[in-house]
């Protein structure tokens, strides 16, 4: 009787595992297709960072708002920076994106007549 229950459980687990593998393969194929969909050359993505002036910052903000692929690539790049703590992650993002010279004109809360 126990052997029948074990066989049934194993068969059930195999079916679930097959379903998970199938879904994973579909997800992988969709991800690859999306990356090659409309190959725009964003190879120079790193050339503009860190941002050192307000005009460049405004241009990048406009591009992020209007170009979905650019937005996705930037998001993936920033998420990939990682860090053990949120403080380390934020520091890495800020160091990648901005120079200290640009950030001197900004504050988180807009204090001291600085931009937000």
N, C-alpha and C. Protein backbone atom coordinates (compact mmCIF):
# COMPACT_ATOMS: atom_id res chain seq x y z
N UNK A 1 0.83 -1.19 0.00
CA UNK A 1 0.00 0.00 0.00
C UNK A 1 0.88 1.27 0.00
N UNK A 2 1.93 1.27 0.83
CA UNK A 2 2.84 2.42 0.86
C UNK A 2 3.57 2.60 -0.46
N UNK A 3 3.89 1.48 -1.11
CA UNK A 3 4.58 1.54 -2.40
C UNK A 3 3.72 2.21 -3.46
N UNK A 4 2.44 1.95 -3.44
CA UNK A 4 1.51 2.58 -4.39
C UNK A 4 1.45 4.08 -4.15
N UNK A 5 1.41 4.50 -2.91
CA UNK A 5 1.37 5.93 -2.57
C UNK A 5 2.66 6.61 -3.02
N UNK A 6 3.79 5.96 -2.79
CA UNK A 6 5.09 6.52 -3.19
C UNK A 6 5.16 6.66 -4.71
N UNK A 7 4.73 5.62 -5.45
CA UNK A 7 4.75 5.68 -6.92
C UNK A 7 3.86 6.82 -7.43
N UNK A 8 2.70 6.96 -6.83
CA UNK A 8 1.77 8.03 -7.23
C UNK A 8 2.39 9.40 -6.95
N UNK A 9 3.03 9.55 -5.81
CA UNK A 9 3.68 10.82 -5.45
C UNK A 9 4.81 11.15 -6.41
N UNK A 10 5.60 10.14 -6.77
CA UNK A 10 6.70 10.36 -7.71
C UNK A 10 6.16 10.76 -9.07
N UNK A 11 5.11 10.09 -9.55
CA UNK A 11 4.51 10.43 -10.84
C UNK A 11 3.99 11.87 -10.81
N UNK A 12 3.36 12.24 -9.71
CA UNK A 12 2.83 13.59 -9.55
C UNK A 12 3.95 14.63 -9.58
N UNK A 13 5.04 14.35 -8.87
CA UNK A 13 6.20 15.26 -8.87
C UNK A 13 6.82 15.37 -10.26
N UNK A 14 6.91 14.26 -10.97
CA UNK A 14 7.47 14.30 -12.33
C UNK A 14 6.62 15.16 -13.26
N UNK A 15 5.31 15.06 -13.14
CA UNK A 15 4.43 15.89 -13.97
C UNK A 15 4.62 17.37 -13.66
N UNK A 16 4.74 17.69 -12.39
CA UNK A 16 4.95 19.08 -12.00
C UNK A 16 6.31 19.58 -12.47
N UNK A 17 7.32 18.74 -12.35
CA UNK A 17 8.66 19.12 -12.81
C UNK A 17 8.67 19.35 -14.32
N UNK A 18 8.01 18.48 -15.08
CA UNK A 18 7.92 18.67 -16.53
C UNK A 18 7.24 19.99 -16.87
N UNK A 19 6.19 20.33 -16.14
CA UNK A 19 5.49 21.59 -16.36
C UNK A 19 6.39 22.78 -16.06
N UNK A 20 7.15 22.71 -14.98
CA UNK A 20 8.08 23.79 -14.63
C UNK A 20 9.15 23.95 -15.70
N UNK A 21 9.70 22.84 -16.16
CA UNK A 21 10.74 22.89 -17.21
C UNK A 21 10.18 23.48 -18.49
N UNK A 22 8.98 23.08 -18.86
CA UNK A 22 8.34 23.61 -20.07
C UNK A 22 8.12 25.12 -19.97
N UNK A 23 7.63 25.58 -18.84
CA UNK A 23 7.42 27.02 -18.64
C UNK A 23 8.73 27.79 -18.65
N UNK A 24 9.75 27.22 -18.05
CA UNK A 24 11.07 27.86 -18.03
C UNK A 24 11.63 27.99 -19.45
N UNK A 25 11.47 26.94 -20.25
CA UNK A 25 11.95 26.99 -21.64
C UNK A 25 11.20 28.05 -22.45
N UNK A 26 9.89 28.14 -22.26
CA UNK A 26 9.11 29.17 -22.96
C UNK A 26 9.55 30.56 -22.54
N UNK A 27 9.78 30.75 -21.25
CA UNK A 27 10.23 32.05 -20.75
C UNK A 27 11.59 32.41 -21.34
N UNK A 28 12.51 31.45 -21.38
CA UNK A 28 13.84 31.70 -21.94
C UNK A 28 13.76 32.07 -23.42
N UNK A 29 12.93 31.37 -24.17
CA UNK A 29 12.77 31.67 -25.59
C UNK A 29 12.18 33.06 -25.79
N UNK A 30 11.18 33.42 -24.99
CA UNK A 30 10.58 34.75 -25.10
C UNK A 30 11.57 35.84 -24.76
N UNK A 31 12.40 35.61 -23.75
CA UNK A 31 13.41 36.60 -23.36
C UNK A 31 14.41 36.82 -24.48
N UNK A 32 14.87 35.73 -25.10
CA UNK A 32 15.83 35.85 -26.20
C UNK A 32 15.21 36.56 -27.39
N UNK A 33 13.96 36.24 -27.70
CA UNK A 33 13.28 36.88 -28.83
C UNK A 33 13.11 38.37 -28.59
N UNK A 34 12.78 38.76 -27.36
CA UNK A 34 12.59 40.17 -27.05
C UNK A 34 13.88 40.96 -27.16
N UNK A 35 15.00 40.34 -26.82
CA UNK A 35 16.27 41.05 -26.89
C UNK A 35 16.69 41.32 -28.33
N UNK A 36 16.29 40.44 -29.27
CA UNK A 36 16.72 40.59 -30.66
C UNK A 36 15.64 41.20 -31.54
N UNK A 37 14.52 41.56 -30.96
CA UNK A 37 13.37 42.02 -31.72
C UNK A 37 13.71 43.15 -32.69
N UNK A 38 14.14 44.26 -32.19
CA UNK A 38 14.45 45.40 -33.05
C UNK A 38 15.82 45.91 -32.66
N UNK A 39 16.83 45.22 -33.15
CA UNK A 39 18.20 45.46 -32.73
C UNK A 39 18.65 46.88 -33.02
N UNK A 40 18.52 47.73 -32.04
CA UNK A 40 19.06 49.08 -32.08
C UNK A 40 20.39 49.00 -31.37
N UNK A 41 21.39 49.69 -31.88
CA UNK A 41 22.71 49.59 -31.29
C UNK A 41 22.83 50.50 -30.07
N UNK A 42 22.80 49.88 -28.92
CA UNK A 42 23.00 50.61 -27.67
C UNK A 42 24.37 50.28 -27.09
N UNK A 43 25.31 49.93 -27.94
CA UNK A 43 26.65 49.55 -27.48
C UNK A 43 27.34 50.70 -26.76
N UNK A 44 26.98 51.92 -27.10
CA UNK A 44 27.62 53.08 -26.50
C UNK A 44 26.92 53.55 -25.23
N UNK A 45 26.14 52.69 -24.64
CA UNK A 45 25.38 53.03 -23.44
C UNK A 45 26.29 53.55 -22.33
N UNK A 46 27.47 52.98 -22.20
CA UNK A 46 28.39 53.37 -21.12
C UNK A 46 29.12 54.68 -21.40
N UNK A 47 29.15 55.12 -22.64
CA UNK A 47 29.94 56.29 -23.00
C UNK A 47 29.46 57.57 -22.33
N UNK A 48 28.19 57.65 -22.00
CA UNK A 48 27.65 58.90 -21.45
C UNK A 48 27.66 58.94 -19.93
N UNK A 49 28.12 57.86 -19.32
CA UNK A 49 28.12 57.80 -17.85
C UNK A 49 29.53 57.89 -17.31
N UNK A 50 29.71 58.52 -16.20
CA UNK A 50 28.72 59.23 -15.40
C UNK A 50 28.32 60.55 -16.04
N UNK A 51 27.10 60.95 -15.79
CA UNK A 51 26.54 62.19 -16.33
C UNK A 51 27.18 63.36 -15.59
N UNK A 52 27.66 64.35 -16.37
CA UNK A 52 28.36 65.46 -15.71
C UNK A 52 27.73 66.82 -15.94
N UNK A 53 26.62 66.87 -16.70
CA UNK A 53 25.96 68.17 -16.87
C UNK A 53 24.44 68.00 -16.98
N UNK A 54 23.74 69.07 -16.73
CA UNK A 54 22.28 69.05 -16.67
C UNK A 54 21.67 68.76 -18.04
N UNK A 55 22.27 69.26 -19.11
CA UNK A 55 21.73 69.01 -20.45
C UNK A 55 21.73 67.52 -20.78
N UNK A 56 22.83 66.85 -20.48
CA UNK A 56 22.90 65.41 -20.72
C UNK A 56 21.87 64.68 -19.88
N UNK A 57 21.72 65.09 -18.63
CA UNK A 57 20.72 64.49 -17.75
C UNK A 57 19.32 64.64 -18.34
N UNK A 58 18.99 65.81 -18.83
CA UNK A 58 17.67 66.04 -19.44
C UNK A 58 17.47 65.19 -20.68
N UNK A 59 18.50 65.05 -21.50
CA UNK A 59 18.40 64.22 -22.71
C UNK A 59 18.15 62.76 -22.34
N UNK A 60 18.86 62.28 -21.33
CA UNK A 60 18.68 60.89 -20.91
C UNK A 60 17.29 60.68 -20.33
N UNK A 61 16.80 61.62 -19.57
CA UNK A 61 15.44 61.52 -19.02
C UNK A 61 14.42 61.44 -20.15
N UNK A 62 14.59 62.26 -21.19
CA UNK A 62 13.68 62.23 -22.33
C UNK A 62 13.74 60.89 -23.05
N UNK A 63 14.96 60.37 -23.23
CA UNK A 63 15.12 59.09 -23.92
C UNK A 63 14.49 57.96 -23.10
N UNK A 64 14.67 57.99 -21.79
CA UNK A 64 14.06 56.96 -20.94
C UNK A 64 12.54 57.00 -21.04
N UNK A 65 11.99 58.19 -21.15
CA UNK A 65 10.53 58.33 -21.23
C UNK A 65 9.98 57.90 -22.59
N UNK A 66 10.77 58.05 -23.65
CA UNK A 66 10.25 57.81 -24.99
C UNK A 66 10.70 56.49 -25.63
N UNK A 67 11.77 55.90 -25.15
CA UNK A 67 12.34 54.71 -25.78
C UNK A 67 12.25 53.53 -24.81
N UNK A 68 11.30 52.64 -25.06
CA UNK A 68 11.04 51.50 -24.17
C UNK A 68 12.25 50.56 -24.07
N UNK A 69 12.91 50.32 -25.19
CA UNK A 69 14.07 49.41 -25.17
C UNK A 69 15.22 50.02 -24.36
N UNK A 70 15.48 51.29 -24.54
CA UNK A 70 16.52 51.98 -23.78
C UNK A 70 16.19 51.92 -22.28
N UNK A 71 14.93 52.15 -21.96
CA UNK A 71 14.48 52.09 -20.57
C UNK A 71 14.74 50.71 -19.98
N UNK A 72 14.41 49.67 -20.74
CA UNK A 72 14.60 48.30 -20.27
C UNK A 72 16.08 47.98 -20.08
N UNK A 73 16.92 48.39 -21.03
CA UNK A 73 18.35 48.14 -20.92
C UNK A 73 18.96 48.86 -19.72
N UNK A 74 18.55 50.10 -19.51
CA UNK A 74 19.06 50.85 -18.36
C UNK A 74 18.61 50.21 -17.05
N UNK A 75 17.36 49.79 -17.00
CA UNK A 75 16.85 49.14 -15.80
C UNK A 75 17.65 47.88 -15.50
N UNK A 76 17.87 47.06 -16.53
CA UNK A 76 18.64 45.83 -16.34
C UNK A 76 20.07 46.12 -15.89
N UNK A 77 20.66 47.16 -16.47
CA UNK A 77 22.03 47.53 -16.10
C UNK A 77 22.10 47.94 -14.64
N UNK A 78 21.15 48.74 -14.20
CA UNK A 78 21.16 49.22 -12.82
C UNK A 78 20.81 48.11 -11.83
N UNK A 79 19.87 47.27 -12.18
CA UNK A 79 19.52 46.15 -11.30
C UNK A 79 20.71 45.22 -11.14
N UNK A 80 21.49 45.07 -12.20
CA UNK A 80 22.65 44.18 -12.17
C UNK A 80 23.80 44.65 -11.31
N UNK A 81 23.75 45.87 -10.83
CA UNK A 81 24.86 46.38 -10.01
C UNK A 81 24.92 45.67 -8.66
N UNK A 82 23.78 45.34 -8.10
CA UNK A 82 23.72 44.60 -6.85
C UNK A 82 24.37 45.29 -5.68
N UNK A 83 24.51 44.54 -4.60
CA UNK A 83 25.10 45.05 -3.37
C UNK A 83 24.50 44.32 -2.18
N UNK A 84 25.29 44.15 -1.13
CA UNK A 84 24.80 43.41 0.05
C UNK A 84 23.73 44.18 0.80
N UNK A 85 23.79 45.49 0.76
CA UNK A 85 22.78 46.30 1.45
C UNK A 85 22.24 47.34 0.47
N UNK A 86 21.12 47.93 0.83
CA UNK A 86 20.54 48.96 -0.03
C UNK A 86 21.46 50.17 -0.12
N UNK A 87 22.18 50.46 0.95
CA UNK A 87 23.11 51.59 0.94
C UNK A 87 24.23 51.37 -0.08
N UNK A 88 24.77 50.16 -0.11
CA UNK A 88 25.83 49.84 -1.07
C UNK A 88 25.28 49.91 -2.49
N UNK A 89 24.08 49.38 -2.70
CA UNK A 89 23.47 49.40 -4.03
C UNK A 89 23.26 50.84 -4.51
N UNK A 90 22.67 51.68 -3.66
CA UNK A 90 22.41 53.08 -4.03
C UNK A 90 23.72 53.79 -4.33
N UNK A 91 24.74 53.55 -3.54
CA UNK A 91 26.04 54.18 -3.78
C UNK A 91 26.60 53.77 -5.14
N UNK A 92 26.48 52.49 -5.49
CA UNK A 92 26.96 52.02 -6.80
C UNK A 92 26.20 52.68 -7.94
N UNK A 93 24.88 52.76 -7.79
CA UNK A 93 24.06 53.38 -8.83
C UNK A 93 24.45 54.84 -9.01
N UNK A 94 24.55 55.57 -7.91
CA UNK A 94 24.88 56.99 -7.97
C UNK A 94 26.27 57.21 -8.58
N UNK A 95 27.24 56.37 -8.21
CA UNK A 95 28.59 56.51 -8.75
C UNK A 95 28.62 56.22 -10.24
N UNK A 96 27.81 55.26 -10.68
CA UNK A 96 27.76 54.94 -12.11
C UNK A 96 27.10 56.06 -12.90
N UNK A 97 26.00 56.60 -12.39
CA UNK A 97 25.19 57.54 -13.16
C UNK A 97 25.68 58.98 -13.13
N UNK A 98 26.18 59.47 -11.99
CA UNK A 98 26.41 60.90 -11.84
C UNK A 98 27.81 61.22 -11.32
N UNK A 99 28.31 62.38 -11.73
CA UNK A 99 29.55 62.89 -11.15
C UNK A 99 29.21 63.70 -9.90
N UNK A 100 30.18 63.85 -9.03
CA UNK A 100 29.97 64.68 -7.83
C UNK A 100 29.68 66.12 -8.21
N UNK A 101 30.29 66.57 -9.31
CA UNK A 101 30.09 67.96 -9.76
C UNK A 101 28.62 68.21 -10.11
N UNK A 102 27.98 67.25 -10.77
CA UNK A 102 26.57 67.42 -11.12
C UNK A 102 25.70 67.34 -9.86
N UNK A 103 25.99 66.41 -8.99
CA UNK A 103 25.14 66.20 -7.81
C UNK A 103 25.20 67.34 -6.81
N UNK A 104 26.19 68.20 -6.91
CA UNK A 104 26.26 69.32 -5.98
C UNK A 104 25.09 70.29 -6.18
N UNK A 105 24.41 70.21 -7.33
CA UNK A 105 23.27 71.09 -7.61
C UNK A 105 21.93 70.47 -7.17
N UNK A 106 21.97 69.27 -6.60
CA UNK A 106 20.75 68.55 -6.25
C UNK A 106 20.76 68.14 -4.78
N UNK A 107 19.56 68.04 -4.22
CA UNK A 107 19.40 67.42 -2.90
C UNK A 107 18.12 66.60 -2.95
N UNK A 108 18.04 65.61 -2.11
CA UNK A 108 16.88 64.71 -2.10
C UNK A 108 15.59 65.46 -1.81
N UNK A 109 15.67 66.43 -0.92
CA UNK A 109 14.46 67.14 -0.51
C UNK A 109 14.33 68.53 -1.13
N UNK A 110 15.33 68.97 -1.92
CA UNK A 110 15.27 70.28 -2.54
C UNK A 110 15.67 71.41 -1.60
N UNK A 111 16.37 71.10 -0.54
CA UNK A 111 16.80 72.13 0.42
C UNK A 111 17.94 72.96 -0.12
N UNK A 112 18.14 74.10 0.50
CA UNK A 112 19.25 75.02 0.18
C UNK A 112 19.20 75.46 -1.28
N UNK A 113 17.98 75.68 -1.78
CA UNK A 113 17.77 76.14 -3.16
C UNK A 113 18.37 75.20 -4.20
N UNK A 114 18.43 73.92 -3.88
CA UNK A 114 18.92 72.93 -4.83
C UNK A 114 17.74 72.25 -5.49
N UNK A 115 18.01 71.65 -6.65
CA UNK A 115 16.96 70.93 -7.37
C UNK A 115 16.70 69.59 -6.70
N UNK A 116 15.50 69.09 -6.90
CA UNK A 116 15.15 67.77 -6.37
C UNK A 116 15.53 66.71 -7.37
